[in-house]
PDB file of N, CA and C in Angstrom:
ATOM      1  N   UNK A   1      20.599  13.259  -9.578  1.00  0.00           N
ATOM      2  CA  UNK A   1      19.298  13.588  -8.609  1.00  0.00           C
ATOM      3  C   UNK A   1      18.210  13.085  -9.672  1.00  0.00           C
ATOM      4  N   UNK A   2      18.228  13.165 -10.847  1.00  0.00           N
ATOM      5  CA  UNK A   2      16.921  12.746 -11.621  1.00  0.00           C
ATOM      6  C   UNK A   2      16.895  10.981 -11.789  1.00  0.00           C
ATOM      7  N   UNK A   3      18.106  10.749 -11.633  1.00  0.00           N
ATOM      8  CA  UNK A   3      18.392   9.272 -11.508  1.00  0.00           C
ATOM      9  C   UNK A   3      17.703   8.590 -10.161  1.00  0.00           C
ATOM     10  N   UNK A   4      17.661   9.296  -9.305  1.00  0.00           N
ATOM     11  CA  UNK A   4      16.886   8.756  -8.016  1.00  0.00           C
ATOM     12  C   UNK A   4      15.319   9.334  -7.783  1.00  0.00           C
ATOM     13  N   UNK A   5      14.749   9.796  -8.964  1.00  0.00           N
ATOM     14  CA  UNK A   5      13.289  10.396  -8.743  1.00  0.00           C
ATOM     15  C   UNK A   5      12.405   9.453  -8.248  1.00  0.00           C
ATOM     16  N   UNK A   6      12.653   7.982  -8.709  1.00  0.00           N
ATOM     17  CA  UNK A   6      11.639   7.150  -8.346  1.00  0.00           C
ATOM     18  C   UNK A   6      11.760   6.925  -6.691  1.00  0.00           C
ATOM     19  N   UNK A   7      12.856   6.887  -6.317  1.00  0.00           N
ATOM     20  CA  UNK A   7      13.122   6.756  -4.747  1.00  0.00           C
ATOM     21  C   UNK A   7      12.623   7.988  -3.974  1.00  0.00           C
ATOM     22  N   UNK A   8      12.734   9.341  -4.623  1.00  0.00           N
ATOM     23  CA  UNK A   8      11.793  10.443  -3.901  1.00  0.00           C
ATOM     24  C   UNK A   8      10.331  10.290  -3.872  1.00  0.00           C
ATOM     25  N   UNK A   9       9.759   9.789  -5.330  1.00  0.00           N
ATOM     26  CA  UNK A   9       8.480   9.465  -5.299  1.00  0.00           C
ATOM     27  C   UNK A   9       8.005   8.429  -4.468  1.00  0.00           C
ATOM     28  N   UNK A  10       8.839   7.381  -4.127  1.00  0.00           N
ATOM     29  CA  UNK A  10       8.302   6.578  -2.909  1.00  0.00           C
ATOM     30  C   UNK A  10       8.518   7.001  -1.558  1.00  0.00           C
ATOM     31  N   UNK A  11       9.428   7.700  -1.277  1.00  0.00           N
ATOM     32  CA  UNK A  11       9.549   8.536  -0.083  1.00  0.00           C
ATOM     33  C   UNK A  11       8.253   9.207   0.220  1.00  0.00           C
ATOM     34  N   UNK A  12       7.956  10.293  -0.871  1.00  0.00           N
ATOM     35  CA  UNK A  12       6.584  11.131  -0.798  1.00  0.00           C
ATOM     36  C   UNK A  12       5.529  10.148  -0.507  1.00  0.00           C
ATOM     37  N   UNK A  13       5.152   9.109  -1.466  1.00  0.00           N
ATOM     38  CA  UNK A  13       4.202   8.215  -1.097  1.00  0.00           C
ATOM     39  C   UNK A  13       3.893   7.815   0.235  1.00  0.00           C
ATOM     40  N   UNK A  14       5.080   7.189   0.707  1.00  0.00           N
ATOM     41  CA  UNK A  14       5.193   6.717   2.020  1.00  0.00           C
ATOM     42  C   UNK A  14       4.718   7.764   3.298  1.00  0.00           C
ATOM     43  N   UNK A  15       5.351   8.626   3.104  1.00  0.00           N
ATOM     44  CA  UNK A  15       4.987  10.079   3.945  1.00  0.00           C
ATOM     45  C   UNK A  15       3.630  10.458   3.991  1.00  0.00           C
ATOM     46  N   UNK A  16       3.012  10.557   2.653  1.00  0.00           N
ATOM     47  CA  UNK A  16       1.716  10.806   2.578  1.00  0.00           C
ATOM     48  C   UNK A  16       0.735   9.733   3.067  1.00  0.00           C
ATOM     49  N   UNK A  17       1.093   8.476   2.705  1.00  0.00           N
ATOM     50  CA  UNK A  17       0.170   7.237   3.277  1.00  0.00           C
ATOM     51  C   UNK A  17       0.252   7.285   4.540  1.00  0.00           C
ATOM     52  N   UNK A  18       1.461   7.233   5.438  1.00  0.00           N
ATOM     53  CA  UNK A  18       1.585   7.292   6.855  1.00  0.00           C
ATOM     54  C   UNK A  18       0.884   8.596   7.657  1.00  0.00           C
ATOM     55  N   UNK A  19       0.995   9.575   6.984  1.00  0.00           N
ATOM     56  CA  UNK A  19       0.189  10.977   7.442  1.00  0.00           C
ATOM     57  C   UNK A  19      -1.319  10.465   7.538  1.00  0.00           C
ATOM     58  N   UNK A  20      -1.751  10.052   6.253  1.00  0.00           N
ATOM     59  CA  UNK A  20      -2.961   9.903   6.221  1.00  0.00           C
ATOM     60  C   UNK A  20      -3.437   8.682   7.349  1.00  0.00           C
ATOM     61  N   UNK A  21      -2.845   7.760   7.464  1.00  0.00           N
ATOM     62  CA  UNK A  21      -3.398   6.746   8.470  1.00  0.00           C
ATOM     63  C   UNK A  21      -3.082   7.136   9.933  1.00  0.00           C
ATOM     64  N   UNK A  22      -2.184   7.952  10.195  1.00  0.00           N
ATOM     65  CA  UNK A  22      -2.138   8.423  11.376  1.00  0.00           C
ATOM     66  C   UNK A  22      -3.259   9.695  11.916  1.00  0.00           C
ATOM     67  N   UNK A  23      -3.170  10.628  11.022  1.00  0.00           N
ATOM     68  CA  UNK A  23      -3.881  11.893  11.359  1.00  0.00           C
ATOM     69  C   UNK A  23      -5.506  11.777  11.175  1.00  0.00           C
ATOM     70  N   UNK A  24      -5.906  10.903  10.378  1.00  0.00           N
ATOM     71  CA  UNK A  24      -7.253  10.994  10.186  1.00  0.00           C
ATOM     72  C   UNK A  24      -8.027   9.884  11.207  1.00  0.00           C
ATOM     73  N   UNK A  25      -9.248  10.242  11.570  1.00  0.00           N
ATOM     74  CA  UNK A  25     -10.076   9.594  12.312  1.00  0.00           C
ATOM     75  C   UNK A  25     -11.052   8.731  11.550  1.00  0.00           C
ATOM     76  N   UNK A  26     -11.293   9.003  10.264  1.00  0.00           N
ATOM     77  CA  UNK A  26     -12.121   8.290   9.412  1.00  0.00           C
ATOM     78  C   UNK A  26     -11.482   7.117   8.909  1.00  0.00           C
ATOM     79  N   UNK A  27     -12.385   6.013   9.392  1.00  0.00           N
ATOM     80  CA  UNK A  27     -11.663   4.599   8.946  1.00  0.00           C
ATOM     81  C   UNK A  27     -11.398   4.366   7.409  1.00  0.00           C
ATOM     82  N   UNK A  28     -12.266   5.061   6.684  1.00  0.00           N
ATOM     83  CA  UNK A  28     -12.208   4.818   5.115  1.00  0.00           C
ATOM     84  C   UNK A  28     -10.932   5.319   4.900  1.00  0.00           C
ATOM     85  N   UNK A  29     -10.580   6.653   5.462  1.00  0.00           N
ATOM     86  CA  UNK A  29      -9.320   7.518   4.904  1.00  0.00           C
ATOM     87  C   UNK A  29      -8.117   6.829   5.264  1.00  0.00           C
ATOM     88  N   UNK A  30      -8.307   6.081   6.524  1.00  0.00           N
ATOM     89  CA  UNK A  30      -7.243   5.084   7.130  1.00  0.00           C
ATOM     90  C   UNK A  30      -6.829   4.099   6.051  1.00  0.00           C
ATOM     91  N   UNK A  31      -8.018   3.380   5.457  1.00  0.00           N
ATOM     92  CA  UNK A  31      -7.622   2.370   4.494  1.00  0.00           C
ATOM     93  C   UNK A  31      -7.099   3.175   3.347  1.00  0.00           C
ATOM     94  N   UNK A  32      -7.646   4.050   2.917  1.00  0.00           N
ATOM     95  CA  UNK A  32      -6.928   4.775   1.790  1.00  0.00           C
ATOM     96  C   UNK A  32      -5.413   5.068   2.065  1.00  0.00           C
ATOM     97  N   UNK A  33      -5.041   5.604   3.189  1.00  0.00           N
ATOM     98  CA  UNK A  33      -3.733   6.018   3.432  1.00  0.00           C
ATOM     99  C   UNK A  33      -2.755   4.711   3.475  1.00  0.00           C
ATOM    100  N   UNK A  34      -3.329   3.663   4.068  1.00  0.00           N
ATOM    101  CA  UNK A  34      -2.497   2.295   4.120  1.00  0.00           C
ATOM    102  C   UNK A  34      -2.229   1.865   2.567  1.00  0.00           C
ATOM    103  N   UNK A  35      -3.320   2.008   1.668  1.00  0.00           N
ATOM    104  CA  UNK A  35      -3.182   1.753   0.378  1.00  0.00           C
ATOM    105  C   UNK A  35      -2.128   2.528  -0.555  1.00  0.00           C
ATOM    106  N   UNK A  36      -2.093   3.650  -0.075  1.00  0.00           N
ATOM    107  CA  UNK A  36      -0.765   4.644  -0.668  1.00  0.00           C
ATOM    108  C   UNK A  36       0.411   4.224  -0.291  1.00  0.00           C
ATOM    109  N   UNK A  37       0.276   3.804   1.285  1.00  0.00           N
ATOM    110  CA  UNK A  37       1.725   3.543   1.756  1.00  0.00           C
ATOM    111  C   UNK A  37       1.972   1.944   1.070  1.00  0.00           C
ATOM    112  N   UNK A  38       1.311   1.298   0.909  1.00  0.00           N
ATOM    113  CA  UNK A  38       1.401  -0.116   0.079  1.00  0.00           C
ATOM    114  C   UNK A  38       1.593  -0.025  -1.275  1.00  0.00           C
ATOM    115  N   UNK A  39       1.285   0.964  -2.001  1.00  0.00           N
ATOM    116  CA  UNK A  39       1.657   1.314  -3.380  1.00  0.00           C
ATOM    117  C   UNK A  39       3.097   1.859  -3.412  1.00  0.00           C
ATOM    118  N   UNK A  40       3.606   2.684  -2.347  1.00  0.00           N
ATOM    119  CA  UNK A  40       4.767   3.042  -2.497  1.00  0.00           C
ATOM    120  C   UNK A  40       5.798   1.962  -2.270  1.00  0.00           C
ATOM    121  N   UNK A  41       5.453   0.773  -1.478  1.00  0.00           N
ATOM    122  CA  UNK A  41       6.466  -0.079  -1.265  1.00  0.00           C
ATOM    123  C   UNK A  41       6.511  -0.992  -2.544  1.00  0.00           C
ATOM    124  N   UNK A  42       5.246  -1.197  -3.308  1.00  0.00           N
ATOM    125  CA  UNK A  42       5.413  -1.800  -4.510  1.00  0.00           C
ATOM    126  C   UNK A  42       6.330  -0.985  -5.548  1.00  0.00           C
ATOM    127  N   UNK A  43       6.065   0.162  -5.567  1.00  0.00           N
ATOM    128  CA  UNK A  43       6.969   1.007  -6.747  1.00  0.00           C
ATOM    129  C   UNK A  43       8.364   0.697  -6.051  1.00  0.00           C
ATOM    130  N   UNK A  44       8.826   0.699  -5.039  1.00  0.00           N
ATOM    131  CA  UNK A  44      10.052   0.479  -4.598  1.00  0.00           C
ATOM    132  C   UNK A  44      10.742  -0.694  -4.860  1.00  0.00           C
ATOM    133  N   UNK A  45       9.834  -1.846  -4.829  1.00  0.00           N
ATOM    134  CA  UNK A  45      10.170  -3.074  -5.273  1.00  0.00           C
ATOM    135  C   UNK A  45      10.579  -3.237  -6.539  1.00  0.00           C
ATOM    136  N   UNK A  46       9.530  -2.685  -7.498  1.00  0.00           N
ATOM    137  CA  UNK A  46       9.889  -2.793  -8.825  1.00  0.00           C
ATOM    138  C   UNK A  46      10.764  -2.226  -9.478  1.00  0.00           C
ATOM    139  N   UNK A  47      11.076  -0.976  -8.815  1.00  0.00           N
ATOM    140  CA  UNK A  47      12.291  -0.020  -9.121  1.00  0.00           C
ATOM    141  C   UNK A  47      13.743  -0.742  -8.873  1.00  0.00           C
ATOM    142  N   UNK A  48      13.682  -1.635  -7.961  1.00  0.00           N
ATOM    143  CA  UNK A  48      14.761  -2.287  -7.420  1.00  0.00           C
ATOM    144  C   UNK A  48      15.262  -3.278  -8.497  1.00  0.00           C
ATOM    145  N   UNK A  49      13.902  -4.076  -9.105  1.00  0.00           N
ATOM    146  CA  UNK A  49      14.181  -5.047  -9.960  1.00  0.00           C
ATOM    147  C   UNK A  49      14.771  -5.062 -11.187  1.00  0.00           C
ATOM    148  N   UNK A  50      14.465  -3.595 -11.614  1.00  0.00           N
ATOM    149  CA  UNK A  50      14.892  -3.182 -12.909  1.00  0.00           C
ATOM    150  C   UNK A  50      16.375  -2.741 -13.022  1.00  0.00           C
ATOM    151  N   UNK A  51      17.156  -3.482 -14.033  1.00  0.00           N
ATOM    152  CA  UNK A  51      18.251  -2.935 -14.533  1.00  0.00           C
ATOM    153  C   UNK A  51      18.604  -2.314 -15.712  1.00  0.00           C
ATOM    154  N   UNK A  52      19.164  -1.124 -15.796  1.00  0.00           N
ATOM    155  CA  UNK A  52      19.369  -0.356 -16.897  1.00  0.00           C
ATOM    156  C   UNK A  52      19.905  -1.064 -17.836  1.00  0.00           C
ATOM    157  N   UNK A  53      19.327  -1.236 -19.118  1.00  0.00           N
ATOM    158  CA  UNK A  53      19.912  -1.767 -20.088  1.00  0.00           C
ATOM    159  C   UNK A  53      19.622  -3.460 -20.212  1.00  0.00           C
ATOM    160  N   UNK A  54      18.914  -3.695 -19.112  1.00  0.00           N
ATOM    161  CA  UNK A  54      18.828  -5.248 -18.869  1.00  0.00           C
ATOM    162  C   UNK A  54      17.496  -5.535 -19.797  1.00  0.00           C
ATOM    163  N   UNK A  55      17.389  -7.026 -19.858  1.00  0.00           N
ATOM    164  CA  UNK A  55      16.380  -7.559 -20.695  1.00  0.00           C
ATOM    165  C   UNK A  55      15.765  -8.440 -19.921  1.00  0.00           C
ATOM    166  N   UNK A  56      14.732  -9.314 -20.372  1.00  0.00           N
ATOM    167  CA  UNK A  56      14.136 -10.334 -19.721  1.00  0.00           C
ATOM    168  C   UNK A  56      15.223 -11.309 -19.687  1.00  0.00           C
ATOM    169  N   UNK A  57      15.105 -12.313 -18.456  1.00  0.00           N
ATOM    170  CA  UNK A  57      16.149 -13.260 -18.228  1.00  0.00           C
ATOM    171  C   UNK A  57      15.965 -14.621 -19.170  1.00  0.00           C
ATOM    172  N   UNK A  58      16.192 -14.268 -20.507  1.00  0.00           N
ATOM    173  CA  UNK A  58      15.947 -15.378 -21.438  1.00  0.00           C
ATOM    174  C   UNK A  58      17.616 -15.507 -22.251  1.00  0.00           C
ATOM    175  N   UNK A  59      18.158 -16.510 -22.042  1.00  0.00           N
ATOM    176  CA  UNK A  59      19.516 -16.509 -22.592  1.00  0.00           C
ATOM    177  C   UNK A  59      19.597 -16.432 -24.108  1.00  0.00           C
ATOM    178  N   UNK A  60      20.289 -15.345 -24.337  1.00  0.00           N
ATOM    179  CA  UNK A  60      20.932 -15.037 -25.470  1.00  0.00           C
ATOM    180  C   UNK A  60      22.145 -14.258 -25.660  1.00  0.00           C
ATOM    181  N   UNK A  61      22.972 -14.514 -26.626  1.00  0.00           N
ATOM    182  CA  UNK A  61      24.320 -14.093 -26.657  1.00  0.00           C
ATOM    183  C   UNK A  61      24.252 -12.610 -27.069  1.00  0.00           C
ATOM    184  N   UNK A  62      23.421 -12.134 -27.319  1.00  0.00           N
ATOM    185  CA  UNK A  62      23.162 -10.780 -27.556  1.00  0.00           C
ATOM    186  C   UNK A  62      23.135  -9.688 -26.417  1.00  0.00           C
ATOM    187  N   UNK A  63      22.606 -10.269 -25.349  1.00  0.00           N
ATOM    188  CA  UNK A  63      22.550  -9.680 -24.256  1.00  0.00           C
ATOM    189  C   UNK A  63      23.228 -10.285 -22.815  1.00  0.00           C
ATOM    190  N   UNK A  64      23.871  -9.397 -22.292  1.00  0.00           N
ATOM    191  CA  UNK A  64      24.669  -9.567 -20.998  1.00  0.00           C
ATOM    192  C   UNK A  64      24.101  -9.557 -19.619  1.00  0.00           C
ATOM    193  N   UNK A  65      23.188  -8.169 -19.642  1.00  0.00           N
ATOM    194  CA  UNK A  65      22.648  -7.701 -18.716  1.00  0.00           C
ATOM    195  C   UNK A  65      20.870  -8.060 -18.316  1.00  0.00           C
ATOM    196  N   UNK A  66      20.559  -8.933 -17.398  1.00  0.00           N
ATOM    197  CA  UNK A  66      19.341  -9.341 -16.997  1.00  0.00           C
ATOM    198  C   UNK A  66      18.629  -8.664 -15.861  1.00  0.00           C
ATOM    199  N   UNK A  67      17.290  -8.339 -16.239  1.00  0.00           N
ATOM    200  CA  UNK A  67      16.568  -7.953 -14.797  1.00  0.00           C
ATOM    201  C   UNK A  67      16.040  -9.043 -14.149  1.00  0.00           C
ATOM    202  N   UNK A  68      16.079  -8.837 -12.955  1.00  0.00           N
ATOM    203  CA  UNK A  68      15.787  -9.836 -11.936  1.00  0.00           C
ATOM    204  C   UNK A  68      14.210  -9.732 -12.008  1.00  0.00           C
ATOM    205  N   UNK A  69      13.427 -11.092 -12.208  1.00  0.00           N
ATOM    206  CA  UNK A  69      12.133 -11.085 -12.164  1.00  0.00           C
ATOM    207  C   UNK A  69      11.257 -11.482 -10.913  1.00  0.00           C
ATOM    208  N   UNK A  70      12.444 -11.789  -9.766  1.00  0.00           N
ATOM    209  CA  UNK A  70      11.574 -12.222  -8.799  1.00  0.00           C
ATOM    210  C   UNK A  70      11.041 -11.040  -8.007  1.00  0.00           C
ATOM    211  N   UNK A  71      11.455  -9.671  -7.793  1.00  0.00           N
ATOM    212  CA  UNK A  71      10.498  -8.780  -7.307  1.00  0.00           C
ATOM    213  C   UNK A  71       9.206  -8.499  -7.877  1.00  0.00           C
ATOM    214  N   UNK A  72       9.253  -8.679  -9.475  1.00  0.00           N
ATOM    215  CA  UNK A  72       7.715  -8.437 -10.188  1.00  0.00           C
ATOM    216  C   UNK A  72       6.859  -9.562  -9.414  1.00  0.00           C
ATOM    217  N   UNK A  73       7.315 -10.719  -9.739  1.00  0.00           N
ATOM    218  CA  UNK A  73       6.586 -11.691  -9.132  1.00  0.00           C
ATOM    219  C   UNK A  73       6.014 -11.651  -7.731  1.00  0.00           C
ATOM    220  N   UNK A  74       6.827 -11.114  -6.810  1.00  0.00           N
ATOM    221  CA  UNK A  74       6.414 -11.015  -5.461  1.00  0.00           C
ATOM    222  C   UNK A  74       5.567  -9.812  -5.245  1.00  0.00           C
ATOM    223  N   UNK A  75       5.669  -8.775  -6.404  1.00  0.00           N
ATOM    224  CA  UNK A  75       4.607  -7.814  -6.341  1.00  0.00           C
ATOM    225  C   UNK A  75       3.474  -8.218  -6.839  1.00  0.00           C
ATOM    226  N   UNK A  76       3.302  -8.817  -7.525  1.00  0.00           N
ATOM    227  CA  UNK A  76       1.927  -9.548  -8.226  1.00  0.00           C
ATOM    228  C   UNK A  76       1.423 -10.184  -7.306  1.00  0.00           C
ATOM    229  N   UNK A  77       2.012 -10.925  -6.149  1.00  0.00           N
ATOM    230  CA  UNK A  77       1.271 -11.870  -5.247  1.00  0.00           C
ATOM    231  C   UNK A  77       0.917 -10.505  -4.231  1.00  0.00           C
ATOM    232  N   UNK A  78       1.729  -9.485  -3.654  1.00  0.00           N
ATOM    233  CA  UNK A  78       1.559  -8.465  -2.987  1.00  0.00           C
ATOM    234  C   UNK A  78       0.142  -7.944  -3.286  1.00  0.00           C
ATOM    235  N   UNK A  79       0.014  -7.435  -4.610  1.00  0.00           N
ATOM    236  CA  UNK A  79      -1.074  -6.747  -5.096  1.00  0.00           C
ATOM    237  C   UNK A  79      -2.555  -7.563  -4.820  1.00  0.00           C
ATOM    238  N   UNK A  80      -2.450  -8.864  -5.137  1.00  0.00           N
ATOM    239  CA  UNK A  80      -3.574  -9.585  -4.727  1.00  0.00           C
ATOM    240  C   UNK A  80      -4.044  -9.641  -3.237  1.00  0.00           C
ATOM    241  N   UNK A  81      -3.035  -9.958  -2.323  1.00  0.00           N
ATOM    242  CA  UNK A  81      -2.964  -9.871  -1.034  1.00  0.00           C
ATOM    243  C   UNK A  81      -3.791  -8.441  -0.555  1.00  0.00           C
ATOM    244  N   UNK A  82      -2.995  -7.539  -1.046  1.00  0.00           N
ATOM    245  CA  UNK A  82      -3.530  -6.125  -1.051  1.00  0.00           C
ATOM    246  C   UNK A  82      -5.187  -5.803  -1.337  1.00  0.00           C
ATOM    247  N   UNK A  83      -5.478  -6.114  -2.399  1.00  0.00           N
ATOM    248  CA  UNK A  83      -6.958  -6.050  -2.804  1.00  0.00           C
ATOM    249  C   UNK A  83      -7.742  -6.959  -1.865  1.00  0.00           C
ATOM    250  N   UNK A  84      -7.511  -8.053  -1.569  1.00  0.00           N
ATOM    251  CA  UNK A  84      -8.383  -8.767  -0.592  1.00  0.00           C
ATOM    252  C   UNK A  84      -8.353  -7.948   0.790  1.00  0.00           C
ATOM    253  N   UNK A  85      -7.073  -7.718   1.301  1.00  0.00           N
ATOM    254  CA  UNK A  85      -7.015  -6.957   2.629  1.00  0.00           C
ATOM    255  C   UNK A  85      -7.866  -5.904   2.540  1.00  0.00           C
ATOM    256  N   UNK A  86      -7.727  -4.977   1.269  1.00  0.00           N
ATOM    257  CA  UNK A  86      -8.659  -3.707   1.310  1.00  0.00           C
ATOM    258  C   UNK A  86      -9.983  -4.028   1.172  1.00  0.00           C
ATOM    259  N   UNK A  87     -10.476  -5.207   0.483  1.00  0.00           N
ATOM    260  CA  UNK A  87     -12.122  -5.682   0.539  1.00  0.00           C
ATOM    261  C   UNK A  87     -12.463  -6.093   1.817  1.00  0.00           C
ATOM    262  N   UNK A  88     -11.710  -6.777   2.732  1.00  0.00           N
ATOM    263  CA  UNK A  88     -11.914  -7.207   3.775  1.00  0.00           C
ATOM    264  C   UNK A  88     -12.164  -5.838   4.835  1.00  0.00           C
ATOM    265  N   UNK A  89     -11.138  -5.120   4.803  1.00  0.00           N
ATOM    266  CA  UNK A  89     -11.089  -3.688   5.636  1.00  0.00           C
ATOM    267  C   UNK A  89     -12.434  -2.924   5.215  1.00  0.00           C
ATOM    268  N   UNK A  90     -13.000  -2.716   3.757  1.00  0.00           N
ATOM    269  CA  UNK A  90     -13.870  -1.965   3.723  1.00  0.00           C
ATOM    270  C   UNK A  90     -15.203  -2.955   4.010  1.00  0.00           C
ATOM    271  N   UNK A  91     -15.332  -4.070   4.157  1.00  0.00           N
ATOM    272  CA  UNK A  91     -16.454  -4.652   4.507  1.00  0.00           C
ATOM    273  C   UNK A  91     -16.542  -4.733   6.164  1.00  0.00           C
ATOM    274  N   UNK A  92     -15.422  -4.627   6.864  1.00  0.00           N
ATOM    275  CA  UNK A  92     -15.655  -4.301   8.199  1.00  0.00           C
ATOM    276  C   UNK A  92     -16.030  -3.044   8.525  1.00  0.00           C
ATOM    277  N   UNK A  93     -15.559  -1.989   7.827  1.00  0.00           N
ATOM    278  CA  UNK A  93     -16.180  -0.681   7.859  1.00  0.00           C
ATOM    279  C   UNK A  93     -17.600  -0.510   7.800  1.00  0.00           C
ATOM    280  N   UNK A  94     -17.833  -1.244   6.627  1.00  0.00           N
ATOM    281  CA  UNK A  94     -19.604  -1.367   6.421  1.00  0.00           C
ATOM    282  C   UNK A  94     -20.399  -2.027   7.653  1.00  0.00           C
ATOM    283  N   UNK A  95     -19.628  -2.811   8.119  1.00  0.00           N
ATOM    284  CA  UNK A  95     -20.265  -3.561   9.556  1.00  0.00           C
ATOM    285  C   UNK A  95     -20.197  -2.644  10.713  1.00  0.00           C
ATOM    286  N   UNK A  96     -19.198  -1.885  10.941  1.00  0.00           N
ATOM    287  CA  UNK A  96     -19.085  -0.898  11.793  1.00  0.00           C
ATOM    288  C   UNK A  96     -19.938   0.140  11.687  1.00  0.00           C
ATOM    289  N   UNK A  97     -20.064   0.547  10.540  1.00  0.00           N
ATOM    290  CA  UNK A  97     -21.154   1.840  10.236  1.00  0.00           C
ATOM    291  C   UNK A  97     -22.565   1.513  10.785  1.00  0.00           C
ATOM    292  N   UNK A  98     -22.836   0.097  10.112  1.00  0.00           N
ATOM    293  CA  UNK A  98     -24.311  -0.344  10.630  1.00  0.00           C
ATOM    294  C   UNK A  98     -24.354  -0.631  12.157  1.00  0.00           C
ATOM    295  N   UNK A  99     -23.307  -1.025  12.865  1.00  0.00           N
ATOM    296  CA  UNK A  99     -23.412  -1.164  14.543  1.00  0.00           C
ATOM    297  C   UNK A  99     -23.326  -0.044  15.012  1.00  0.00           C
ATOM    298  N   UNK A 100     -22.480   1.192  14.896  1.00  0.00           N
ATOM    299  CA  UNK A 100     -22.213   2.297  15.416  1.00  0.00           C
ATOM    300  C   UNK A 100     -22.804   3.385  14.812  1.00  0.00           C
ATOM    301  N   UNK A 101     -23.271   3.309  13.797  1.00  0.00           N
ATOM    302  CA  UNK A 101     -23.881   4.630  12.812  1.00  0.00           C
ATOM    303  C   UNK A 101     -22.784   5.496  12.511  1.00  0.00           C
ATOM    304  N   UNK A 102     -21.523   5.248  12.648  1.00  0.00           N
ATOM    305  CA  UNK A 102     -20.421   6.165  12.267  1.00  0.00           C
ATOM    306  C   UNK A 102     -19.156   5.435  11.760  1.00  0.00           C
ATOM    307  N   UNK A 103     -18.456   6.157  11.022  1.00  0.00           N
ATOM    308  CA  UNK A 103     -16.998   5.219  10.841  1.00  0.00           C
ATOM    309  C   UNK A 103     -15.972   6.399  11.289  1.00  0.00           C
ATOM    310  N   UNK A 104     -16.163   7.133  12.253  1.00  0.00           N
ATOM    311  CA  UNK A 104     -15.337   7.842  12.933  1.00  0.00           C
ATOM    312  C   UNK A 104     -14.675   7.393  14.107  1.00  0.00           C
ATOM    313  N   UNK A 105     -13.354   7.404  14.226  1.00  0.00           N
ATOM    314  CA  UNK A 105     -13.081   6.546  15.142  1.00  0.00           C
ATOM    315  C   UNK A 105     -13.177   6.836  16.816  1.00  0.00           C
ATOM    316  N   UNK A 106     -13.076   8.343  16.715  1.00  0.00           N
ATOM    317  CA  UNK A 106     -13.313   8.985  18.129  1.00  0.00           C
ATOM    318  C   UNK A 106     -14.996   8.690  18.766  1.00  0.00           C
ATOM    319  N   UNK A 107     -15.760   8.613  17.607  1.00  0.00           N
ATOM    320  CA  UNK A 107     -17.112   8.257  17.887  1.00  0.00           C
ATOM    321  C   UNK A 107     -17.307   6.970  18.250  1.00  0.00           C
ATOM    322  N   UNK A 108     -16.592   6.233  17.956  1.00  0.00           N
ATOM    323  CA  UNK A 108     -16.759   4.742  18.259  1.00  0.00           C
ATOM    324  C   UNK A 108     -16.051   4.560  19.493  1.00  0.00           C
ATOM    325  N   UNK A 109     -15.075   5.059  19.838  1.00  0.00           N
ATOM    326  CA  UNK A 109     -14.446   4.802  21.062  1.00  0.00           C
ATOM    327  C   UNK A 109     -15.135   5.323  22.120  1.00  0.00           C
ATOM    328  N   UNK A 110     -15.746   6.347  21.914  1.00  0.00           N
ATOM    329  CA  UNK A 110     -16.738   7.107  23.024  1.00  0.00           C
ATOM    330  C   UNK A 110     -18.061   6.238  23.198  1.00  0.00           C
ATOM    331  N   UNK A 111     -18.473   5.634  22.236  1.00  0.00           N
ATOM    332  CA  UNK A 111     -19.943   4.605  22.213  1.00  0.00           C
ATOM    333  C   UNK A 111     -19.390   3.457  23.043  1.00  0.00           C
ATOM    334  N   UNK A 112     -18.043   2.815  22.651  1.00  0.00           N
ATOM    335  CA  UNK A 112     -17.821   1.835  23.722  1.00  0.00           C
ATOM    336  C   UNK A 112     -17.522   2.032  24.979  1.00  0.00           C
ATOM    337  N   UNK A 113     -17.066   3.277  25.151  1.00  0.00           N
ATOM    338  CA  UNK A 113     -16.795   3.661  26.722  1.00  0.00           C
ATOM    339  C   UNK A 113     -17.970   3.866  27.409  1.00  0.00           C
ATOM    340  N   UNK A 114     -19.021   4.486  26.627  1.00  0.00           N
ATOM    341  CA  UNK A 114     -20.502   4.380  27.341  1.00  0.00           C
ATOM    342  C   UNK A 114     -21.098   3.169  27.570  1.00  0.00           C
ATOM    343  N   UNK A 115     -21.093   2.349  26.625  1.00  0.00           N
ATOM    344  CA  UNK A 115     -21.874   0.777  26.846  1.00  0.00           C
ATOM    345  C   UNK A 115     -20.561   0.112  27.690  1.00  0.00           C
ATOM    346  N   UNK A 116     -19.398   0.214  27.985  1.00  0.00           N
ATOM    347  CA  UNK A 116     -18.703  -0.518  29.039  1.00  0.00           C
ATOM    348  C   UNK A 116     -18.797  -0.091  30.189  1.00  0.00           C
ATOM    349  N   UNK A 117     -19.417   1.245  30.646  1.00  0.00           N
ATOM    350  CA  UNK A 117     -19.486   1.562  31.837  1.00  0.00           C
ATOM    351  C   UNK A 117     -20.696   1.316  32.665  1.00  0.00           C
TER     352      UNK A 117
END
């Protein structure tokens, strides 16, 4: 059970991020929920790439088990993309706040219905 702790942490973070994204009508809280969900995926991939007793993939007669570096490299790229996506989402939220006066999803939807009628 303790050997699977990282998977339980990933599962809990995924549920928390999904819950925050679905339940909140505040746009900033939705972005935070998406970031938590994204972090859980990062942890999942990094934990899958680690081999117990493994070392960096440098050929040496002293080592026989190597950790796969590919998940770590992919996660570095995903972190950069995630930061850029978060920055864009927050910039859009600032513009929505300027245009509508609120960042609550229900208020924005009501304003759109009023202006569309």
